[in-house]
Amino acid sequence: ETSKQPSTSPDATPTTLSLAYHMGDIFAAPPSTLLIHACNTQGSWGAGIAAAFRQRYPQAYKRYRAHCLTTHDPSTNPVPTGTCLLIPPCETNPKAAKHWIGCLFTSAKYGKLKDKPPVILTNTGPAMKELLQRFKEEGEEGEVRMCKINSARFGVPWEKTVEVLEGIEVEDGWVGDIEVW
């Protein structure tokens, strides 16, 4: 696919996110890559790709869980959907990859209680925008990779998520090209 270049003219058409598809292991990314997945706000990475994140990034999982259960409380002060959590490389195992982890809170719950697809799609755009802004504020310019978010355990047709993502206008300094693995 062709990548879209950010516009330099103030009256030019805004550039939107560009997705490029790859086959292979999302986790075999270079250091400082941002790996994105969609999450619930309950502190559970128990199934699907979230379980793979939990296995590979146990320290990041602890930060995510603390964010959901300690910083917030699922019963009285849940993490708002449509937001994100950006976790810097934090694994203590010297052999662990130094990846950023981006958690998009697209559904409040999981399993049979997960949000309906229209709600998840409504939450995806704001969560992705916040994540790209936070990554920019960290001064990071590394690769950004994600799986086909929302499409497995959350049951949202991938094409619907693509419509949301490709409709996001890239702001100055944001990574505009996202690799889908």
C-alpha atoms as a PDB file:
ATOM      1  CA  GLU A   1       0.000   0.000   0.000  1.00  0.00           C
ATOM      2  CA  THR A   2       1.090   3.543  -0.449  1.00  0.00           C
ATOM      3  CA  SER A   3       1.735   5.588   2.656  1.00  0.00           C
ATOM      4  CA  LYS A   4       0.204   8.999   3.122  1.00  0.00           C
ATOM      5  CA  GLN A   5       2.578  11.875   3.798  1.00  0.00           C
ATOM      6  CA  PRO A   6       1.648  14.580   6.302  1.00  0.00           C
ATOM      7  CA  SER A   7       0.531  17.742   4.577  1.00  0.00           C
ATOM      8  CA  THR A   8       2.651  20.856   4.968  1.00  0.00           C
ATOM      9  CA  SER A   9       0.236  23.373   3.478  1.00  0.00           C
ATOM     10  CA  PRO A  10      -2.230  24.798   6.005  1.00  0.00           C
ATOM     11  CA  ASP A  11      -5.100  24.547   3.523  1.00  0.00           C
ATOM     12  CA  ALA A  12      -4.221  21.047   2.331  1.00  0.00           C
ATOM     13  CA  THR A  13      -6.509  18.118   2.984  1.00  0.00           C
ATOM     14  CA  PRO A  14      -5.769  16.608   6.410  1.00  0.00           C
ATOM     15  CA  THR A  15      -3.938  13.296   6.431  1.00  0.00           C
ATOM     16  CA  THR A  16      -5.594  10.326   8.046  1.00  0.00           C
ATOM     17  CA  LEU A  17      -4.112   7.217   9.602  1.00  0.00           C
ATOM     18  CA  SER A  18      -2.675   4.755   7.143  1.00  0.00           C
ATOM     19  CA  LEU A  19      -2.757   1.001   7.801  1.00  0.00           C
ATOM     20  CA  ALA A  20      -0.241  -1.391   6.241  1.00  0.00           C
ATOM     21  CA  TYR A  21      -0.727  -5.132   6.586  1.00  0.00           C
ATOM     22  CA  HIS A  22       1.999  -7.634   7.454  1.00  0.00           C
ATOM     23  CA  MET A  23       2.174 -11.341   8.170  1.00  0.00           C
ATOM     24  CA  GLY A  24       4.257 -12.593  11.057  1.00  0.00           C
ATOM     25  CA  ASP A  25       4.754 -12.208  14.772  1.00  0.00           C
ATOM     26  CA  ILE A  26       3.628  -8.815  16.123  1.00  0.00           C
ATOM     27  CA  PHE A  27       5.923  -9.347  19.116  1.00  0.00           C
ATOM     28  CA  ALA A  28       9.076  -9.723  16.959  1.00  0.00           C
ATOM     29  CA  ALA A  29       9.240  -5.937  16.680  1.00  0.00           C
ATOM     30  CA  PRO A  30      12.325  -3.745  17.053  1.00  0.00           C
ATOM     31  CA  PRO A  31      12.981  -2.093  20.445  1.00  0.00           C
ATOM     32  CA  SER A  32      10.881   1.013  21.203  1.00  0.00           C
ATOM     33  CA  THR A  33       8.021  -0.197  19.014  1.00  0.00           C
ATOM     34  CA  LEU A  34       4.537   0.603  20.323  1.00  0.00           C
ATOM     35  CA  LEU A  35       2.360  -2.522  20.380  1.00  0.00           C
ATOM     36  CA  ILE A  36      -1.372  -1.771  20.572  1.00  0.00           C
ATOM     37  CA  HIS A  37      -4.279  -3.954  21.611  1.00  0.00           C
ATOM     38  CA  ALA A  38      -7.862  -3.374  22.693  1.00  0.00           C
ATOM     39  CA  CYS A  39      -8.656  -3.996  26.368  1.00  0.00           C
ATOM     40  CA  ASN A  40     -11.435  -4.097  28.899  1.00  0.00           C
ATOM     41  CA  THR A  41     -11.471  -1.797  31.940  1.00  0.00           C
ATOM     42  CA  GLN A  42     -11.691  -4.655  34.480  1.00  0.00           C
ATOM     43  CA  GLY A  43      -7.967  -5.470  34.745  1.00  0.00           C
ATOM     44  CA  SER A  44      -8.171  -8.768  32.854  1.00  0.00           C
ATOM     45  CA  TRP A  45      -5.900  -9.868  30.031  1.00  0.00           C
ATOM     46  CA  GLY A  46      -7.314 -13.379  30.161  1.00  0.00           C
ATOM     47  CA  ALA A  47      -8.049 -14.389  26.574  1.00  0.00           C
ATOM     48  CA  GLY A  48      -7.020 -13.883  22.977  1.00  0.00           C
ATOM     49  CA  ILE A  49      -4.089 -11.620  22.192  1.00  0.00           C
ATOM     50  CA  ALA A  50      -4.409 -10.005  25.627  1.00  0.00           C
ATOM     51  CA  ALA A  51      -3.355 -13.325  27.166  1.00  0.00           C
ATOM     52  CA  ALA A  52      -0.307 -13.351  24.877  1.00  0.00           C
ATOM     53  CA  PHE A  53       0.549  -9.812  26.064  1.00  0.00           C
ATOM     54  CA  ARG A  54       0.150 -10.961  29.665  1.00  0.00           C
ATOM     55  CA  GLN A  55       2.554 -13.858  29.138  1.00  0.00           C
ATOM     56  CA  ARG A  56       5.214 -11.809  27.308  1.00  0.00           C
ATOM     57  CA  TYR A  57       4.938  -8.606  29.354  1.00  0.00           C
ATOM     58  CA  PRO A  58       4.183  -9.539  32.984  1.00  0.00           C
ATOM     59  CA  GLN A  59       5.362  -6.178  34.372  1.00  0.00           C
ATOM     60  CA  ALA A  60       3.230  -4.278  31.857  1.00  0.00           C
ATOM     61  CA  TYR A  61       0.293  -6.475  32.859  1.00  0.00           C
ATOM     62  CA  LYS A  62       0.832  -5.510  36.516  1.00  0.00           C
ATOM     63  CA  ARG A  63       0.736  -1.821  35.542  1.00  0.00           C
ATOM     64  CA  TYR A  64      -2.426  -2.302  33.493  1.00  0.00           C
ATOM     65  CA  ARG A  65      -4.078  -4.255  36.318  1.00  0.00           C
ATOM     66  CA  ALA A  66      -3.093  -1.622  38.913  1.00  0.00           C
ATOM     67  CA  HIS A  67      -4.468   1.110  36.638  1.00  0.00           C
ATOM     68  CA  CYS A  68      -7.815  -0.703  36.400  1.00  0.00           C
ATOM     69  CA  LEU A  69      -8.100  -1.913  40.009  1.00  0.00           C
ATOM     70  CA  THR A  70      -6.110   0.530  42.159  1.00  0.00           C
ATOM     71  CA  THR A  71      -5.950   3.863  40.327  1.00  0.00           C
ATOM     72  CA  HIS A  72      -9.564   3.181  39.385  1.00  0.00           C
ATOM     73  CA  ASP A  73     -12.138   0.825  40.864  1.00  0.00           C
ATOM     74  CA  PRO A  74     -14.328  -1.187  38.488  1.00  0.00           C
ATOM     75  CA  SER A  75     -17.316  -0.866  40.847  1.00  0.00           C
ATOM     76  CA  THR A  76     -17.178   2.788  41.872  1.00  0.00           C
ATOM     77  CA  ASN A  77     -14.744   4.590  39.529  1.00  0.00           C
ATOM     78  CA  PRO A  78     -14.083   2.445  36.440  1.00  0.00           C
ATOM     79  CA  VAL A  79     -11.537   3.383  33.802  1.00  0.00           C
ATOM     80  CA  PRO A  80     -13.505   5.403  31.259  1.00  0.00           C
ATOM     81  CA  THR A  81     -13.925   3.678  27.912  1.00  0.00           C
ATOM     82  CA  GLY A  82     -12.622   5.626  24.955  1.00  0.00           C
ATOM     83  CA  THR A  83      -9.352   6.260  26.807  1.00  0.00           C
ATOM     84  CA  CYS A  84      -5.976   4.533  26.781  1.00  0.00           C
ATOM     85  CA  LEU A  85      -3.051   3.499  28.917  1.00  0.00           C
ATOM     86  CA  LEU A  86       0.475   3.886  27.532  1.00  0.00           C
ATOM     87  CA  ILE A  87       2.967   1.654  29.335  1.00  0.00           C
ATOM     88  CA  PRO A  88       6.669   2.360  28.732  1.00  0.00           C
ATOM     89  CA  PRO A  89       9.109  -0.529  28.322  1.00  0.00           C
ATOM     90  CA  CYS A  90       9.282  -1.951  31.850  1.00  0.00           C
ATOM     91  CA  GLU A  91      10.128  -5.646  31.708  1.00  0.00           C
ATOM     92  CA  THR A  92      12.790  -6.668  34.209  1.00  0.00           C
ATOM     93  CA  ASN A  93      13.899  -9.819  32.377  1.00  0.00           C
ATOM     94  CA  PRO A  94      17.047  -8.778  30.447  1.00  0.00           C
ATOM     95  CA  LYS A  95      15.954 -10.956  27.520  1.00  0.00           C
ATOM     96  CA  ALA A  96      12.537  -9.276  27.285  1.00  0.00           C
ATOM     97  CA  ALA A  97      11.836  -6.978  24.382  1.00  0.00           C
ATOM     98  CA  LYS A  98      11.800  -3.259  25.170  1.00  0.00           C
ATOM     99  CA  HIS A  99       8.387  -2.452  23.749  1.00  0.00           C
ATOM    100  CA  TRP A 100       5.836   0.200  24.621  1.00  0.00           C
ATOM    101  CA  ILE A 101       2.386  -1.265  25.266  1.00  0.00           C
ATOM    102  CA  GLY A 102      -0.705   0.665  24.231  1.00  0.00           C
ATOM    103  CA  CYS A 103      -3.976  -0.388  25.841  1.00  0.00           C
ATOM    104  CA  LEU A 104      -7.100   0.944  24.143  1.00  0.00           C
ATOM    105  CA  PHE A 105     -10.076   0.763  26.497  1.00  0.00           C
ATOM    106  CA  THR A 106     -12.718  -0.012  23.888  1.00  0.00           C
ATOM    107  CA  SER A 107     -15.052  -2.171  26.036  1.00  0.00           C
ATOM    108  CA  ALA A 108     -15.919  -1.814  29.708  1.00  0.00           C
ATOM    109  CA  LYS A 109     -16.212  -5.546  30.288  1.00  0.00           C
ATOM    110  CA  TYR A 110     -15.312  -8.810  28.579  1.00  0.00           C
ATOM    111  CA  GLY A 111     -16.829 -12.168  27.736  1.00  0.00           C
ATOM    112  CA  LYS A 112     -20.627 -12.232  27.635  1.00  0.00           C
ATOM    113  CA  LEU A 113     -20.763  -8.787  29.285  1.00  0.00           C
ATOM    114  CA  LYS A 114     -18.611  -7.035  26.666  1.00  0.00           C
ATOM    115  CA  ASP A 115     -19.988  -3.880  25.097  1.00  0.00           C
ATOM    116  CA  LYS A 116     -21.921  -4.117  21.826  1.00  0.00           C
ATOM    117  CA  PRO A 117     -19.963  -3.490  18.581  1.00  0.00           C
ATOM    118  CA  PRO A 118     -21.360   0.055  17.999  1.00  0.00           C
ATOM    119  CA  VAL A 119     -20.210   1.092  21.498  1.00  0.00           C
ATOM    120  CA  ILE A 120     -16.775  -0.470  20.992  1.00  0.00           C
ATOM    121  CA  LEU A 121     -16.416   1.360  17.666  1.00  0.00           C
ATOM    122  CA  THR A 122     -17.455   4.658  19.284  1.00  0.00           C
ATOM    123  CA  ASN A 123     -14.722   4.139  21.908  1.00  0.00           C
ATOM    124  CA  THR A 124     -11.992   3.152  19.437  1.00  0.00           C
ATOM    125  CA  GLY A 125     -11.383   6.544  17.792  1.00  0.00           C
ATOM    126  CA  PRO A 126     -10.956   8.618  20.975  1.00  0.00           C
ATOM    127  CA  ALA A 127      -8.796   5.918  22.592  1.00  0.00           C
ATOM    128  CA  MET A 128      -6.487   5.734  19.553  1.00  0.00           C
ATOM    129  CA  LYS A 129      -6.195   9.526  19.334  1.00  0.00           C
ATOM    130  CA  GLU A 130      -5.276   9.769  23.015  1.00  0.00           C
ATOM    131  CA  LEU A 131      -2.693   6.988  22.620  1.00  0.00           C
ATOM    132  CA  LEU A 132      -1.006   8.602  19.613  1.00  0.00           C
ATOM    133  CA  GLN A 133      -0.900  11.930  21.470  1.00  0.00           C
ATOM    134  CA  ARG A 134       0.662  10.346  24.556  1.00  0.00           C
ATOM    135  CA  PHE A 135       3.241   8.490  22.446  1.00  0.00           C
ATOM    136  CA  LYS A 136       4.155  11.814  20.788  1.00  0.00           C
ATOM    137  CA  GLU A 137       4.452  13.506  24.206  1.00  0.00           C
ATOM    138  CA  GLU A 138       6.930  10.811  25.253  1.00  0.00           C
ATOM    139  CA  GLY A 139       9.096  11.904  22.323  1.00  0.00           C
ATOM    140  CA  GLU A 140       8.813   8.497  20.702  1.00  0.00           C
ATOM    141  CA  GLU A 141       8.877   8.054  16.951  1.00  0.00           C
ATOM    142  CA  GLY A 142       9.252   4.288  16.737  1.00  0.00           C
ATOM    143  CA  GLU A 143       7.152   1.856  14.783  1.00  0.00           C
ATOM    144  CA  VAL A 144       3.530   1.347  15.754  1.00  0.00           C
ATOM    145  CA  ARG A 145       2.092  -2.136  15.422  1.00  0.00           C
ATOM    146  CA  MET A 146      -1.272  -3.551  16.310  1.00  0.00           C
ATOM    147  CA  CYS A 147      -3.322  -6.653  15.818  1.00  0.00           C
ATOM    148  CA  LYS A 148      -6.763  -6.511  14.224  1.00  0.00           C
ATOM    149  CA  ILE A 149      -8.128  -4.846  17.353  1.00  0.00           C
ATOM    150  CA  ASN A 150     -11.728  -5.465  18.447  1.00  0.00           C
ATOM    151  CA  SER A 151     -12.186  -8.251  15.874  1.00  0.00           C
ATOM    152  CA  ALA A 152     -11.612 -11.407  17.892  1.00  0.00           C
ATOM    153  CA  ARG A 153     -12.875 -11.546  21.492  1.00  0.00           C
ATOM    154  CA  PHE A 154     -14.851  -8.298  21.186  1.00  0.00           C
ATOM    155  CA  GLY A 155     -16.577  -9.611  18.033  1.00  0.00           C
ATOM    156  CA  VAL A 156     -16.463  -6.411  15.956  1.00  0.00           C
ATOM    157  CA  PRO A 157     -16.036  -6.914  12.194  1.00  0.00           C
ATOM    158  CA  TRP A 158     -12.497  -5.765  11.330  1.00  0.00           C
ATOM    159  CA  GLU A 159     -13.754  -3.697   8.382  1.00  0.00           C
ATOM    160  CA  LYS A 160     -15.787  -1.541  10.796  1.00  0.00           C
ATOM    161  CA  THR A 161     -12.723  -0.857  12.971  1.00  0.00           C
ATOM    162  CA  VAL A 162     -10.714  -0.001   9.822  1.00  0.00           C
ATOM    163  CA  GLU A 163     -13.328   2.642   8.925  1.00  0.00           C
ATOM    164  CA  VAL A 164     -12.862   4.262  12.335  1.00  0.00           C
ATOM    165  CA  LEU A 165      -9.063   4.117  12.267  1.00  0.00           C
ATOM    166  CA  GLU A 166      -8.663   5.366   8.698  1.00  0.00           C
ATOM    167  CA  GLY A 167     -11.001   8.255   9.566  1.00  0.00           C
ATOM    168  CA  ILE A 168      -8.661   9.592  12.272  1.00  0.00           C
ATOM    169  CA  GLU A 169      -6.886  12.781  11.224  1.00  0.00           C
ATOM    170  CA  VAL A 170      -3.182  12.649  12.031  1.00  0.00           C
ATOM    171  CA  GLU A 171      -2.113  15.605  14.140  1.00  0.00           C
ATOM    172  CA  ASP A 172       1.315  17.210  14.005  1.00  0.00           C
ATOM    173  CA  GLY A 173       3.952  14.907  15.460  1.00  0.00           C
ATOM    174  CA  TRP A 174       1.806  11.777  15.552  1.00  0.00           C
ATOM    175  CA  VAL A 175       2.882   8.541  13.983  1.00  0.00           C
ATOM    176  CA  GLY A 176       0.585   8.272  10.957  1.00  0.00           C
ATOM    177  CA  ASP A 177       1.444   4.832   9.672  1.00  0.00           C
ATOM    178  CA  ILE A 178       0.336   1.823  11.670  1.00  0.00           C
ATOM    179  CA  GLU A 179       1.364  -1.719  10.839  1.00  0.00           C
ATOM    180  CA  VAL A 180      -1.335  -4.357  11.282  1.00  0.00           C
ATOM    181  CA  TRP A 181       0.064  -7.786  12.122  1.00  0.00           C
END
